[in-house]
């Protein structure tokens, strides 16, 4: 069995990763317009637990998710 060239393997891996993301995204239930967002809890910048439900009743809540290191 011959080995695939490195570039071909990279494209295959990228395609498989993309397909997994698309399948996973389609499995999530869609929210109706005007529906409340599901509650979740994440650690804050200082390690305290913050839940979305803590902000109920506010006019707007902006949530930003990012990857990588925290800015210093």
PDB file of N, CA and C in Angstrom:
ATOM      1  N   UNK A   1       0.845  -1.176   0.000  1.00  0.00           N
ATOM      2  CA  UNK A   1       0.000   0.000   0.000  1.00  0.00           C
ATOM      3  C   UNK A   1       0.888   1.235   0.000  1.00  0.00           C
ATOM      4  N   UNK A   2       0.672   2.133  -0.957  1.00  0.00           N
ATOM      5  CA  UNK A   2       1.503   3.329  -1.050  1.00  0.00           C
ATOM      6  C   UNK A   2       0.999   4.404  -0.094  1.00  0.00           C
ATOM      7  N   UNK A   3       1.922   5.207   0.332  1.00  0.00           N
ATOM      8  CA  UNK A   3       1.557   6.300   1.237  1.00  0.00           C
ATOM      9  C   UNK A   3       1.060   7.476   0.425  1.00  0.00           C
ATOM     10  N   UNK A   4       0.056   8.160   0.949  1.00  0.00           N
ATOM     11  CA  UNK A   4      -0.458   9.353   0.293  1.00  0.00           C
ATOM     12  C   UNK A   4       0.525  10.497   0.481  1.00  0.00           C
ATOM     13  N   UNK A   5       0.643  11.360  -0.511  1.00  0.00           N
ATOM     14  CA  UNK A   5       1.493  12.536  -0.321  1.00  0.00           C
ATOM     15  C   UNK A   5       0.998  13.366   0.860  1.00  0.00           C
ATOM     16  N   UNK A   6       1.926  14.071   1.493  1.00  0.00           N
ATOM     17  CA  UNK A   6       1.593  14.839   2.702  1.00  0.00           C
ATOM     18  C   UNK A   6       0.479  15.844   2.444  1.00  0.00           C
ATOM     19  N   UNK A   7       0.490  16.518   1.302  1.00  0.00           N
ATOM     20  CA  UNK A   7      -0.530  17.515   0.988  1.00  0.00           C
ATOM     21  C   UNK A   7      -1.905  16.860   0.859  1.00  0.00           C
ATOM     22  N   UNK A   8      -1.972  15.695   0.246  1.00  0.00           N
ATOM     23  CA  UNK A   8      -3.245  14.981   0.101  1.00  0.00           C
ATOM     24  C   UNK A   8      -3.787  14.575   1.463  1.00  0.00           C
ATOM     25  N   UNK A   9      -2.919  14.091   2.337  1.00  0.00           N
ATOM     26  CA  UNK A   9      -3.352  13.708   3.684  1.00  0.00           C
ATOM     27  C   UNK A   9      -3.883  14.919   4.435  1.00  0.00           C
ATOM     28  N   UNK A  10      -3.240  16.068   4.260  1.00  0.00           N
ATOM     29  CA  UNK A  10      -3.698  17.289   4.931  1.00  0.00           C
ATOM     30  C   UNK A  10      -5.089  17.672   4.463  1.00  0.00           C
ATOM     31  N   UNK A  11      -5.332  17.588   3.154  1.00  0.00           N
ATOM     32  CA  UNK A  11      -6.659  17.935   2.622  1.00  0.00           C
ATOM     33  C   UNK A  11      -7.712  16.954   3.094  1.00  0.00           C
ATOM     34  N   UNK A  12      -7.365  15.679   3.164  1.00  0.00           N
ATOM     35  CA  UNK A  12      -8.310  14.674   3.662  1.00  0.00           C
ATOM     36  C   UNK A  12      -8.652  14.929   5.125  1.00  0.00           C
ATOM     37  N   UNK A  13      -7.636  15.256   5.926  1.00  0.00           N
ATOM     38  CA  UNK A  13      -7.863  15.547   7.335  1.00  0.00           C
ATOM     39  C   UNK A  13      -8.737  16.786   7.496  1.00  0.00           C
ATOM     40  N   UNK A  14      -8.459  17.827   6.716  1.00  0.00           N
ATOM     41  CA  UNK A  14      -9.261  19.049   6.773  1.00  0.00           C
ATOM     42  C   UNK A  14     -10.707  18.769   6.372  1.00  0.00           C
ATOM     43  N   UNK A  15     -10.904  17.973   5.325  1.00  0.00           N
ATOM     44  CA  UNK A  15     -12.254  17.619   4.888  1.00  0.00           C
ATOM     45  C   UNK A  15     -13.015  16.828   5.944  1.00  0.00           C
ATOM     46  N   UNK A  16     -12.332  15.878   6.592  1.00  0.00           N
ATOM     47  CA  UNK A  16     -12.974  15.087   7.643  1.00  0.00           C
ATOM     48  C   UNK A  16     -13.334  15.970   8.833  1.00  0.00           C
ATOM     49  N   UNK A  17     -12.456  16.885   9.188  1.00  0.00           N
ATOM     50  CA  UNK A  17     -12.724  17.802  10.296  1.00  0.00           C
ATOM     51  C   UNK A  17     -13.920  18.691   9.985  1.00  0.00           C
ATOM     52  N   UNK A  18     -13.967  19.228   8.781  1.00  0.00           N
ATOM     53  CA  UNK A  18     -15.081  20.083   8.373  1.00  0.00           C
ATOM     54  C   UNK A  18     -16.396  19.307   8.371  1.00  0.00           C
ATOM     55  N   UNK A  19     -16.361  18.079   7.879  1.00  0.00           N
ATOM     56  CA  UNK A  19     -17.573  17.257   7.858  1.00  0.00           C
ATOM     57  C   UNK A  19     -18.054  16.982   9.280  1.00  0.00           C
ATOM     58  N   UNK A  20     -17.133  16.734  10.199  1.00  0.00           N
ATOM     59  CA  UNK A  20     -17.509  16.496  11.593  1.00  0.00           C
ATOM     60  C   UNK A  20     -18.143  17.713  12.225  1.00  0.00           C
ATOM     61  N   UNK A  21     -17.612  18.890  11.916  1.00  0.00           N
ATOM     62  CA  UNK A  21     -18.184  20.131  12.453  1.00  0.00           C
ATOM     63  C   UNK A  21     -19.582  20.350  11.900  1.00  0.00           C
ATOM     64  N   UNK A  22     -19.766  20.136  10.615  1.00  0.00           N
ATOM     65  CA  UNK A  22     -21.076  20.340   9.999  1.00  0.00           C
ATOM     66  C   UNK A  22     -22.109  19.353  10.540  1.00  0.00           C
ATOM     67  N   UNK A  23     -21.718  18.119  10.742  1.00  0.00           N
ATOM     68  CA  UNK A  23     -22.644  17.122  11.284  1.00  0.00           C
ATOM     69  C   UNK A  23     -22.979  17.472  12.729  1.00  0.00           C
ATOM     70  N   UNK A  24     -21.984  17.875  13.512  1.00  0.00           N
ATOM     71  CA  UNK A  24     -22.215  18.253  14.902  1.00  0.00           C
ATOM     72  C   UNK A  24     -23.095  19.478  15.012  1.00  0.00           C
ATOM     73  N   UNK A  25     -22.915  20.441  14.127  1.00  0.00           N
ATOM     74  CA  UNK A  25     -23.712  21.668  14.163  1.00  0.00           C
ATOM     75  C   UNK A  25     -25.162  21.383  13.796  1.00  0.00           C
ATOM     76  N   UNK A  26     -25.369  20.452  12.895  1.00  0.00           N
ATOM     77  CA  UNK A  26     -26.746  20.169  12.482  1.00  0.00           C
ATOM     78  C   UNK A  26     -27.507  19.387  13.560  1.00  0.00           C
ATOM     79  N   UNK A  27     -26.774  18.774  14.509  1.00  0.00           N
ATOM     80  CA  UNK A  27     -27.419  18.009  15.563  1.00  0.00           C
ATOM     81  C   UNK A  27     -27.957  18.916  16.675  1.00  0.00           C
ATOM     82  N   UNK A  28     -27.469  20.152  16.739  1.00  0.00           N
ATOM     83  CA  UNK A  28     -27.915  21.071  17.789  1.00  0.00           C
ATOM     84  C   UNK A  28     -29.321  21.573  17.462  1.00  0.00           C
ATOM     85  N   UNK A  29     -30.189  21.639  18.470  1.00  0.00           N
ATOM     86  CA  UNK A  29     -31.540  22.127  18.205  1.00  0.00           C
ATOM     87  C   UNK A  29     -31.529  23.621  17.882  1.00  0.00           C
ATOM     88  N   UNK A  30     -32.336  24.015  16.941  1.00  0.00           N
ATOM     89  CA  UNK A  30     -32.426  25.418  16.559  1.00  0.00           C
ATOM     90  C   UNK A  30     -33.364  26.155  17.504  1.00  0.00           C
ATOM     91  N   UNK A  31     -33.058  27.401  17.780  1.00  0.00           N
ATOM     92  CA  UNK A  31     -33.928  28.221  18.616  1.00  0.00           C
ATOM     93  C   UNK A  31     -34.874  29.010  17.723  1.00  0.00           C
ATOM     94  N   UNK A  32     -36.057  29.207  18.195  1.00  0.00           N
ATOM     95  CA  UNK A  32     -37.025  30.031  17.489  1.00  0.00           C
ATOM     96  C   UNK A  32     -36.693  31.503  17.747  1.00  0.00           C
ATOM     97  N   UNK A  33     -37.050  32.367  16.827  1.00  0.00           N
ATOM     98  CA  UNK A  33     -36.835  33.796  17.010  1.00  0.00           C
ATOM     99  C   UNK A  33     -37.599  34.246  18.250  1.00  0.00           C
ATOM    100  N   UNK A  34     -36.926  34.960  19.129  1.00  0.00           N
ATOM    101  CA  UNK A  34     -37.548  35.439  20.367  1.00  0.00           C
ATOM    102  C   UNK A  34     -37.431  34.474  21.529  1.00  0.00           C
ATOM    103  N   UNK A  35     -36.937  33.261  21.289  1.00  0.00           N
ATOM    104  CA  UNK A  35     -36.796  32.278  22.367  1.00  0.00           C
ATOM    105  C   UNK A  35     -35.626  32.649  23.273  1.00  0.00           C
ATOM    106  N   UNK A  36     -35.683  32.245  24.529  1.00  0.00           N
ATOM    107  CA  UNK A  36     -34.587  32.492  25.457  1.00  0.00           C
ATOM    108  C   UNK A  36     -33.437  31.538  25.155  1.00  0.00           C
ATOM    109  N   UNK A  37     -32.227  32.045  25.297  1.00  0.00           N
ATOM    110  CA  UNK A  37     -31.033  31.222  25.100  1.00  0.00           C
ATOM    111  C   UNK A  37     -30.923  30.217  26.242  1.00  0.00           C
ATOM    112  N   UNK A  38     -30.423  29.015  25.978  1.00  0.00           N
ATOM    113  CA  UNK A  38     -30.253  28.050  27.059  1.00  0.00           C
ATOM    114  C   UNK A  38     -29.193  28.537  28.056  1.00  0.00           C
ATOM    115  N   UNK A  39     -29.401  28.246  29.322  1.00  0.00           N
ATOM    116  CA  UNK A  39     -28.461  28.681  30.350  1.00  0.00           C
ATOM    117  C   UNK A  39     -27.185  27.850  30.284  1.00  0.00           C
ATOM    118  N   UNK A  40     -26.059  28.471  30.556  1.00  0.00           N
ATOM    119  CA  UNK A  40     -24.784  27.776  30.646  1.00  0.00           C
ATOM    120  C   UNK A  40     -23.903  28.517  31.639  1.00  0.00           C
ATOM    121  N   UNK A  41     -22.893  27.832  32.148  1.00  0.00           N
ATOM    122  CA  UNK A  41     -21.963  28.405  33.119  1.00  0.00           C
ATOM    123  C   UNK A  41     -20.541  28.199  32.626  1.00  0.00           C
ATOM    124  N   UNK A  42     -19.742  29.261  32.693  1.00  0.00           N
ATOM    125  CA  UNK A  42     -18.341  29.220  32.284  1.00  0.00           C
ATOM    126  C   UNK A  42     -17.507  29.963  33.312  1.00  0.00           C
ATOM    127  N   UNK A  43     -16.199  29.665  33.376  1.00  0.00           N
ATOM    128  CA  UNK A  43     -15.349  30.422  34.290  1.00  0.00           C
ATOM    129  C   UNK A  43     -15.080  31.822  33.742  1.00  0.00           C
ATOM    130  N   UNK A  44     -15.090  32.815  34.641  1.00  0.00           N
ATOM    131  CA  UNK A  44     -14.781  34.185  34.259  1.00  0.00           C
ATOM    132  C   UNK A  44     -13.280  34.385  34.166  1.00  0.00           C
ATOM    133  N   UNK A  45     -12.860  35.609  33.918  1.00  0.00           N
ATOM    134  CA  UNK A  45     -11.429  35.900  33.753  1.00  0.00           C
ATOM    135  C   UNK A  45     -10.629  35.715  35.028  1.00  0.00           C
ATOM    136  N   UNK A  46     -11.296  35.787  36.183  1.00  0.00           N
ATOM    137  CA  UNK A  46     -10.590  35.581  37.455  1.00  0.00           C
ATOM    138  C   UNK A  46     -10.896  34.221  38.068  1.00  0.00           C
ATOM    139  N   UNK A  47     -11.588  33.361  37.323  1.00  0.00           N
ATOM    140  CA  UNK A  47     -11.860  32.003  37.780  1.00  0.00           C
ATOM    141  C   UNK A  47     -13.231  31.800  38.391  1.00  0.00           C
ATOM    142  N   UNK A  48     -13.968  32.883  38.665  1.00  0.00           N
ATOM    143  CA  UNK A  48     -15.313  32.734  39.241  1.00  0.00           C
ATOM    144  C   UNK A  48     -16.261  32.163  38.198  1.00  0.00           C
ATOM    145  N   UNK A  49     -17.278  31.458  38.649  1.00  0.00           N
ATOM    146  CA  UNK A  49     -18.270  30.877  37.745  1.00  0.00           C
ATOM    147  C   UNK A  49     -19.313  31.936  37.381  1.00  0.00           C
ATOM    148  N   UNK A  50     -19.587  32.073  36.090  1.00  0.00           N
ATOM    149  CA  UNK A  50     -20.571  33.040  35.609  1.00  0.00           C
ATOM    150  C   UNK A  50     -21.601  32.292  34.781  1.00  0.00           C
ATOM    151  N   UNK A  51     -22.882  32.466  35.101  1.00  0.00           N
ATOM    152  CA  UNK A  51     -23.976  31.836  34.369  1.00  0.00           C
ATOM    153  C   UNK A  51     -24.717  32.881  33.551  1.00  0.00           C
ATOM    154  N   UNK A  52     -25.216  32.477  32.422  1.00  0.00           N
ATOM    155  CA  UNK A  52     -26.010  33.382  31.603  1.00  0.00           C
ATOM    156  C   UNK A  52     -27.245  33.844  32.367  1.00  0.00           C
ATOM    157  N   UNK A  53     -27.799  32.968  33.208  1.00  0.00           N
ATOM    158  CA  UNK A  53     -29.016  33.319  33.953  1.00  0.00           C
ATOM    159  C   UNK A  53     -28.794  34.474  34.934  1.00  0.00           C
ATOM    160  N   UNK A  54     -27.535  34.767  35.297  1.00  0.00           N
ATOM    161  CA  UNK A  54     -27.246  35.899  36.168  1.00  0.00           C
ATOM    162  C   UNK A  54     -27.618  37.232  35.507  1.00  0.00           C
ATOM    163  N   UNK A  55     -27.696  37.244  34.187  1.00  0.00           N
ATOM    164  CA  UNK A  55     -27.944  38.474  33.454  1.00  0.00           C
ATOM    165  C   UNK A  55     -29.385  38.602  32.971  1.00  0.00           C
ATOM    166  N   UNK A  56     -30.282  37.711  33.412  1.00  0.00           N
ATOM    167  CA  UNK A  56     -31.693  37.800  33.018  1.00  0.00           C
ATOM    168  C   UNK A  56     -32.263  39.138  33.459  1.00  0.00           C
ATOM    169  N   UNK A  57     -33.093  39.711  32.619  1.00  0.00           N
ATOM    170  CA  UNK A  57     -33.708  40.993  32.921  1.00  0.00           C
ATOM    171  C   UNK A  57     -32.937  42.177  32.369  1.00  0.00           C
ATOM    172  N   UNK A  58     -31.722  41.949  31.909  1.00  0.00           N
ATOM    173  CA  UNK A  58     -30.955  43.035  31.299  1.00  0.00           C
ATOM    174  C   UNK A  58     -31.460  43.242  29.874  1.00  0.00           C
ATOM    175  N   UNK A  59     -31.257  44.424  29.361  1.00  0.00           N
ATOM    176  CA  UNK A  59     -31.744  44.728  28.022  1.00  0.00           C
ATOM    177  C   UNK A  59     -30.983  43.939  26.948  1.00  0.00           C
ATOM    178  N   UNK A  60     -29.666  43.835  27.092  1.00  0.00           N
ATOM    179  CA  UNK A  60     -28.862  43.100  26.109  1.00  0.00           C
ATOM    180  C   UNK A  60     -27.656  42.483  26.807  1.00  0.00           C
ATOM    181  N   UNK A  61     -27.228  41.339  26.312  1.00  0.00           N
ATOM    182  CA  UNK A  61     -26.026  40.680  26.808  1.00  0.00           C
ATOM    183  C   UNK A  61     -25.201  40.292  25.585  1.00  0.00           C
ATOM    184  N   UNK A  62     -23.956  40.742  25.545  1.00  0.00           N
ATOM    185  CA  UNK A  62     -23.047  40.401  24.451  1.00  0.00           C
ATOM    186  C   UNK A  62     -22.128  39.296  24.944  1.00  0.00           C
ATOM    187  N   UNK A  63     -22.067  38.200  24.213  1.00  0.00           N
ATOM    188  CA  UNK A  63     -21.217  37.074  24.583  1.00  0.00           C
ATOM    189  C   UNK A  63     -20.199  36.906  23.482  1.00  0.00           C
ATOM    190  N   UNK A  64     -18.924  36.925  23.837  1.00  0.00           N
ATOM    191  CA  UNK A  64     -17.857  36.742  22.859  1.00  0.00           C
ATOM    192  C   UNK A  64     -17.039  35.521  23.241  1.00  0.00           C
ATOM    193  N   UNK A  65     -16.962  34.564  22.328  1.00  0.00           N
ATOM    194  CA  UNK A  65     -16.142  33.372  22.538  1.00  0.00           C
ATOM    195  C   UNK A  65     -14.899  33.503  21.668  1.00  0.00           C
ATOM    196  N   UNK A  66     -13.763  33.186  22.217  1.00  0.00           N
ATOM    197  CA  UNK A  66     -12.536  33.212  21.434  1.00  0.00           C
ATOM    198  C   UNK A  66     -11.652  32.077  21.905  1.00  0.00           C
ATOM    199  N   UNK A  67     -10.696  31.733  21.085  1.00  0.00           N
ATOM    200  CA  UNK A  67      -9.771  30.668  21.436  1.00  0.00           C
ATOM    201  C   UNK A  67      -8.398  31.252  21.665  1.00  0.00           C
ATOM    202  N   UNK A  68      -7.572  30.500  22.329  1.00  0.00           N
ATOM    203  CA  UNK A  68      -6.205  30.945  22.546  1.00  0.00           C
ATOM    204  C   UNK A  68      -6.001  31.505  23.936  1.00  0.00           C
ATOM    205  N   UNK A  69      -4.883  32.158  24.093  1.00  0.00           N
ATOM    206  CA  UNK A  69      -4.473  32.711  25.379  1.00  0.00           C
ATOM    207  C   UNK A  69      -5.281  33.959  25.708  1.00  0.00           C
ATOM    208  N   UNK A  70      -5.462  34.223  26.980  1.00  0.00           N
ATOM    209  CA  UNK A  70      -6.126  35.445  27.419  1.00  0.00           C
ATOM    210  C   UNK A  70      -5.207  36.630  27.169  1.00  0.00           C
ATOM    211  N   UNK A  71      -5.788  37.748  26.717  1.00  0.00           N
ATOM    212  CA  UNK A  71      -4.941  38.932  26.525  1.00  0.00           C
ATOM    213  C   UNK A  71      -4.434  39.437  27.867  1.00  0.00           C
ATOM    214  N   UNK A  72      -3.213  39.945  27.882  1.00  0.00           N
ATOM    215  CA  UNK A  72      -2.645  40.450  29.139  1.00  0.00           C
ATOM    216  C   UNK A  72      -2.433  41.931  29.089  1.00  0.00           C
TER     217      UNK A  72
END
